[in-house]
Amino acid sequence: MAGIVLRKTGVVLLTILKWILQAVLVALKLVLGLAKLFLLLLALVMRIVLTMAGVSAGRR
């Protein structure tokens, strides 16, 4: 009887741990996706700024 209770408790704990790990992985993927988007936008803005600075420096 005690073995069955311990086994069921272990299964429940492992299931909860699996859900927590899946949530952490999804959150990590979201954070990395946002960081990638931020870096792409930063690169785009910097390219535009450098292009504008190059054009204005070339006219002098």
Protein backbone atom coordinates (compact mmCIF):
# COMPACT_ATOMS: atom_id res chain seq x y z
CA MET A 1 0.00 0.00 0.00
CA ALA A 2 2.76 2.43 0.93
CA GLY A 3 4.65 1.55 -2.26
CA ILE A 4 1.67 2.45 -4.41
CA VAL A 5 1.29 5.80 -2.63
CA LEU A 6 5.00 6.56 -3.04
CA ARG A 7 4.92 5.57 -6.70
CA LYS A 8 1.88 7.76 -7.42
CA THR A 9 3.50 10.66 -5.51
CA GLY A 10 6.68 10.25 -7.56
CA VAL A 11 4.74 10.26 -10.81
CA VAL A 12 2.91 13.43 -9.79
CA LEU A 13 6.17 15.15 -8.76
CA LEU A 14 7.88 14.17 -12.02
CA THR A 15 4.90 15.45 -14.01
CA ILE A 16 5.01 18.79 -12.17
CA LEU A 17 8.77 18.99 -12.73
CA LYS A 18 8.26 18.30 -16.45
CA TRP A 19 5.69 21.11 -16.69
CA ILE A 20 8.03 23.51 -14.90
CA LEU A 21 10.90 22.62 -17.24
CA GLN A 22 8.69 23.08 -20.29
CA ALA A 23 7.58 26.50 -19.00
CA VAL A 24 11.22 27.50 -18.42
CA LEU A 25 12.18 26.41 -21.94
CA VAL A 26 9.30 28.35 -23.48
CA ALA A 27 10.25 31.45 -21.46
CA LEU A 28 13.89 31.08 -22.51
CA LYS A 29 12.90 30.74 -26.16
CA LEU A 30 10.75 33.87 -25.84
CA VAL A 31 13.55 35.87 -24.22
CA LEU A 32 16.07 34.77 -26.85
CA GLY A 33 13.61 35.60 -29.62
CA LEU A 34 13.08 39.08 -28.20
CA ALA A 35 16.85 39.59 -27.88
CA LYS A 36 17.31 38.53 -31.50
CA LEU A 37 14.59 40.92 -32.65
CA PHE A 38 16.14 43.76 -30.62
CA LEU A 39 19.57 43.14 -32.13
CA LEU A 40 18.16 43.02 -35.65
CA LEU A 41 16.33 46.30 -35.13
CA LEU A 42 19.45 47.85 -33.60
CA ALA A 43 21.51 46.76 -36.60
CA LEU A 44 18.93 48.24 -38.96
CA VAL A 45 18.86 51.56 -37.10
CA MET A 46 22.66 51.69 -36.95
CA ARG A 47 22.91 50.99 -40.68
CA ILE A 48 20.48 53.84 -41.40
CA VAL A 49 22.34 56.20 -39.05
CA LEU A 50 25.71 55.31 -40.52
CA THR A 51 24.37 55.71 -44.04
CA MET A 52 22.99 59.15 -43.20
CA ALA A 53 26.25 60.12 -41.50
CA GLY A 54 28.23 58.88 -44.50
CA VAL A 55 26.07 60.85 -46.92
CA SER A 56 26.37 64.05 -44.87
CA ALA A 57 30.15 63.59 -44.47
CA GLY A 58 30.50 62.93 -48.21
CA ARG A 59 28.83 66.24 -49.13
CA ARG A 60 31.35 68.32 -47.19
